C-alpha atoms as a PDB file:
ATOM      1  CA  MET A   1       0.000   0.000   0.000  1.00  0.00           C
ATOM      2  CA  ARG A   2       2.880   2.383   0.708  1.00  0.00           C
ATOM      3  CA  ASP A   3       4.250   1.927  -2.812  1.00  0.00           C
ATOM      4  CA  LEU A   4       0.797   2.620  -4.234  1.00  0.00           C
ATOM      5  CA  MET A   5       0.389   5.741  -2.121  1.00  0.00           C
ATOM      6  CA  ALA A   6       3.869   6.888  -3.149  1.00  0.00           C
ATOM      7  CA  ALA A   7       2.969   6.413  -6.816  1.00  0.00           C
ATOM      8  CA  VAL A   8      -0.127   8.616  -6.400  1.00  0.00           C
ATOM      9  CA  GLY A   9       2.019  11.253  -4.687  1.00  0.00           C
ATOM     10  CA  GLU A  10       4.647  11.109  -7.419  1.00  0.00           C
ATOM     11  CA  VAL A  11       2.068  11.725 -10.153  1.00  0.00           C
ATOM     12  CA  LEU A  12       0.676  14.710  -8.254  1.00  0.00           C
ATOM     13  CA  LEU A  13       4.143  16.090  -7.550  1.00  0.00           C
ATOM     14  CA  PHE A  14       5.259  15.715 -11.164  1.00  0.00           C
ATOM     15  CA  TRP A  15       2.037  17.476 -12.228  1.00  0.00           C
ATOM     16  CA  GLY A  16       3.082  20.336  -9.953  1.00  0.00           C
ATOM     17  CA  PHE A  17       6.463  20.456 -11.675  1.00  0.00           C
ATOM     18  CA  LEU A  18       4.679  20.660 -15.041  1.00  0.00           C
ATOM     19  CA  GLU A  19       2.428  23.482 -13.828  1.00  0.00           C
ATOM     20  CA  THR A  20       5.487  25.377 -12.595  1.00  0.00           C
ATOM     21  CA  ALA A  21       7.173  25.002 -15.989  1.00  0.00           C
ATOM     22  CA  MET A  22       3.996  26.193 -17.733  1.00  0.00           C
ATOM     23  CA  ARG A  23       3.744  29.236 -15.428  1.00  0.00           C
ATOM     24  CA  GLU A  24       7.396  30.083 -16.063  1.00  0.00           C
ATOM     25  CA  TYR A  25       6.894  29.857 -19.824  1.00  0.00           C
ATOM     26  CA  LEU A  26       3.721  31.953 -19.672  1.00  0.00           C
ATOM     27  CA  ALA A  27       5.597  34.586 -17.670  1.00  0.00           C
ATOM     28  CA  VAL A  28       8.224  34.800 -20.399  1.00  0.00           C
ATOM     29  CA  ILE A  29       5.856  35.005 -23.380  1.00  0.00           C
ATOM     30  CA  ASP A  30       3.407  37.409 -21.677  1.00  0.00           C
ATOM     31  CA  PRO A  31       4.955  39.034 -18.600  1.00  0.00           C
ATOM     32  CA  VAL A  32       2.107  41.520 -18.156  1.00  0.00           C
ATOM     33  CA  GLU A  33      -0.566  38.823 -18.106  1.00  0.00           C
ATOM     34  CA  ALA A  34       1.548  36.692 -15.777  1.00  0.00           C
ATOM     35  CA  ILE A  35       1.579  39.282 -12.994  1.00  0.00           C
ATOM     36  CA  LEU A  36      -2.184  39.865 -13.040  1.00  0.00           C
ATOM     37  CA  PRO A  37      -3.949  38.037 -10.233  1.00  0.00           C
ATOM     38  CA  THR A  38      -6.128  35.174 -11.440  1.00  0.00           C
ATOM     39  CA  LYS A  39      -7.946  32.216  -9.995  1.00  0.00           C
ATOM     40  CA  ALA A  40      -7.832  30.433 -13.342  1.00  0.00           C
ATOM     41  CA  PRO A  41      -5.904  27.155 -13.278  1.00  0.00           C
ATOM     42  CA  VAL A  42      -2.596  27.259 -15.112  1.00  0.00           C
ATOM     43  CA  LEU A  43      -3.968  24.761 -17.640  1.00  0.00           C
ATOM     44  CA  SER A  44      -6.716  27.260 -18.568  1.00  0.00           C
ATOM     45  CA  GLN A  45      -4.143  30.015 -18.878  1.00  0.00           C
ATOM     46  CA  TRP A  46      -2.029  27.739 -21.078  1.00  0.00           C
ATOM     47  CA  ARG A  47      -5.014  26.970 -23.314  1.00  0.00           C
ATOM     48  CA  LYS A  48      -5.705  30.677 -23.754  1.00  0.00           C
ATOM     49  CA  ALA A  49      -2.079  31.566 -24.480  1.00  0.00           C
ATOM     50  CA  LYS A  50      -1.585  28.725 -26.940  1.00  0.00           C
ATOM     51  CA  ALA A  51      -5.009  28.867 -28.654  1.00  0.00           C
ATOM     52  CA  ASP A  52      -3.754  30.685 -31.749  1.00  0.00           C
ATOM     53  CA  ARG A  53      -0.609  28.581 -32.262  1.00  0.00           C
ATOM     54  CA  ARG A  54      -0.591  26.373 -35.353  1.00  0.00           C
ATOM     55  CA  ASP A  55       2.877  24.926 -34.813  1.00  0.00           C
ATOM     56  CA  ALA A  56       2.642  21.108 -34.747  1.00  0.00           C
ATOM     57  CA  ARG A  57       5.014  20.944 -31.754  1.00  0.00           C
ATOM     58  CA  PHE A  58       2.620  23.040 -29.669  1.00  0.00           C
ATOM     59  CA  VAL A  59      -0.386  21.059 -30.865  1.00  0.00           C
ATOM     60  CA  GLN A  60       1.218  17.747 -29.849  1.00  0.00           C
ATOM     61  CA  LEU A  61       2.555  19.170 -26.594  1.00  0.00           C
ATOM     62  CA  PHE A  62      -0.868  20.489 -25.694  1.00  0.00           C
ATOM     63  CA  ALA A  63      -2.450  17.099 -26.465  1.00  0.00           C
ATOM     64  CA  ASP A  64       0.116  15.419 -24.202  1.00  0.00           C
ATOM     65  CA  ILE A  65      -0.591  17.911 -21.411  1.00  0.00           C
ATOM     66  CA  GLU A  66      -4.351  17.321 -21.767  1.00  0.00           C
ATOM     67  CA  GLU A  67      -3.814  13.553 -21.512  1.00  0.00           C
ATOM     68  CA  ALA A  68      -1.725  13.993 -18.373  1.00  0.00           C
ATOM     69  CA  ALA A  69      -4.328  16.358 -16.920  1.00  0.00           C
ATOM     70  CA  GLU A  70      -7.054  13.755 -17.311  1.00  0.00           C
ATOM     71  CA  LEU A  71      -5.234  11.199 -15.168  1.00  0.00           C
ATOM     72  CA  ARG A  72      -4.067  13.799 -12.656  1.00  0.00           C
ATOM     73  CA  ASN A  73      -7.584  15.195 -12.272  1.00  0.00           C
ATOM     74  CA  CYS A  74      -8.941  11.707 -11.753  1.00  0.00           C
ATOM     75  CA  LEU A  75      -6.447  11.171  -8.922  1.00  0.00           C
ATOM     76  CA  ALA A  76      -6.792  14.640  -7.428  1.00  0.00           C
ATOM     77  CA  HIS A  77     -10.576  14.948  -7.558  1.00  0.00           C
ATOM     78  CA  GLY A  78     -11.995  11.455  -7.778  1.00  0.00           C
ATOM     79  CA  LEU A  79      -9.844   9.161  -5.679  1.00  0.00           C
ATOM     80  CA  SER A  80     -12.221   6.716  -4.046  1.00  0.00           C
ATOM     81  CA  SER A  81     -10.415   3.560  -2.918  1.00  0.00           C
ATOM     82  CA  ALA A  82      -7.252   1.497  -3.216  1.00  0.00           C
ATOM     83  CA  SER A  83      -6.300  -2.148  -3.397  1.00  0.00           C
ATOM     84  CA  ALA A  84      -2.821  -3.513  -2.719  1.00  0.00           C
ATOM     85  CA  ASP A  85      -2.953  -7.084  -1.474  1.00  0.00           C
ATOM     86  CA  PRO A  86       0.479  -8.706  -1.905  1.00  0.00           C
ATOM     87  CA  ARG A  87      -1.153 -12.165  -1.839  1.00  0.00           C
ATOM     88  CA  SER A  88      -3.408 -11.315  -4.771  1.00  0.00           C
ATOM     89  CA  ARG A  89      -2.501 -11.777  -8.425  1.00  0.00           C
ATOM     90  CA  GLU A  90      -4.015  -8.383  -9.168  1.00  0.00           C
ATOM     91  CA  GLU A  91      -1.760  -5.396  -9.503  1.00  0.00           C
ATOM     92  CA  ALA A  92      -2.033  -2.672  -6.875  1.00  0.00           C
ATOM     93  CA  ALA A  93      -4.431   0.008  -8.056  1.00  0.00           C
ATOM     94  CA  VAL A  94      -6.594   2.914  -7.032  1.00  0.00           C
ATOM     95  CA  ILE A  95     -10.184   3.483  -8.053  1.00  0.00           C
ATOM     96  CA  CYS A  96     -11.332   6.937  -9.065  1.00  0.00           C
ATOM     97  CA  ILE A  97     -14.802   8.267  -9.756  1.00  0.00           C
ATOM     98  CA  THR A  98     -14.720  10.216 -13.022  1.00  0.00           C
ATOM     99  CA  PRO A  99     -16.772  13.366 -13.684  1.00  0.00           C
ATOM    100  CA  ASP A 100     -19.379  11.286 -15.529  1.00  0.00           C
ATOM    101  CA  GLY A 101     -19.795   9.049 -12.466  1.00  0.00           C
ATOM    102  CA  SER A 102     -18.040   5.989 -13.849  1.00  0.00           C
ATOM    103  CA  ARG A 103     -15.281   4.166 -11.991  1.00  0.00           C
ATOM    104  CA  ARG A 104     -11.751   4.109 -13.327  1.00  0.00           C
ATOM    105  CA  SER A 105      -9.018   1.807 -12.098  1.00  0.00           C
ATOM    106  CA  ILE A 106      -5.452   3.118 -12.305  1.00  0.00           C
ATOM    107  CA  THR A 107      -2.713   0.591 -11.603  1.00  0.00           C
ATOM    108  CA  ILE A 108       0.596   1.355  -9.989  1.00  0.00           C
ATOM    109  CA  TYR A 109       2.244   0.601 -13.345  1.00  0.00           C
ATOM    110  CA  GLU A 110       0.026   3.182 -15.079  1.00  0.00           C
ATOM    111  CA  MET A 111       0.958   5.743 -12.438  1.00  0.00           C
ATOM    112  CA  HIS A 112       4.665   5.068 -12.961  1.00  0.00           C
ATOM    113  CA  GLU A 113       4.141   5.507 -16.694  1.00  0.00           C
ATOM    114  CA  ALA A 114       2.208   8.744 -16.078  1.00  0.00           C
ATOM    115  CA  ARG A 115       4.976  10.045 -13.818  1.00  0.00           C
ATOM    116  CA  ASP A 116       7.547   9.383 -16.541  1.00  0.00           C
ATOM    117  CA  ARG A 117       5.350  11.038 -19.202  1.00  0.00           C
ATOM    118  CA  LEU A 118       4.878  14.072 -16.959  1.00  0.00           C
ATOM    119  CA  HIS A 119       8.649  14.337 -16.555  1.00  0.00           C
ATOM    120  CA  ARG A 120       9.163  14.236 -20.324  1.00  0.00           C
ATOM    121  CA  VAL A 121       6.363  16.753 -20.994  1.00  0.00           C
ATOM    122  CA  THR A 122       7.750  19.099 -18.350  1.00  0.00           C
ATOM    123  CA  ASN A 123      11.143  19.003 -20.035  1.00  0.00           C
ATOM    124  CA  ARG A 124       9.504  19.740 -23.408  1.00  0.00           C
ATOM    125  CA  VAL A 125       7.794  22.805 -21.911  1.00  0.00           C
ATOM    126  CA  ARG A 126      11.100  23.967 -20.422  1.00  0.00           C
ATOM    127  CA  ASP A 127      12.782  23.520 -23.831  1.00  0.00           C
ATOM    128  CA  LEU A 128      10.196  25.550 -25.773  1.00  0.00           C
ATOM    129  CA  PRO A 129      11.585  28.370 -27.904  1.00  0.00           C
ATOM    130  CA  ILE A 130      10.742  31.844 -26.748  1.00  0.00           C
END
């Protein structure tokens, strides 16, 4: 169970790293907008700032961020239960309730994969041209 809980925490922490990278990039491309107080999530700010970009790199990066956001939001807002029985053949997993009310199982392996994807996406944001 500790490994499962750590995996959830890692995904959330790596999401935070991604949000920080997005905020830093937004501050560089629009410093005036970046200092204005807002309650809008950084993902919404990113959508607005990138909406007019047609560059394929930005389109793919945004799609990758959206995919990561879906899993992160499921963990952050819908976490419902967990299962980690070492005597079972089933992989440790958490169950989340999605916005449409369905249940989604996320295995520890999927969370490790998500953590690694978040790391790569964060680096891509940090490497964006200004």
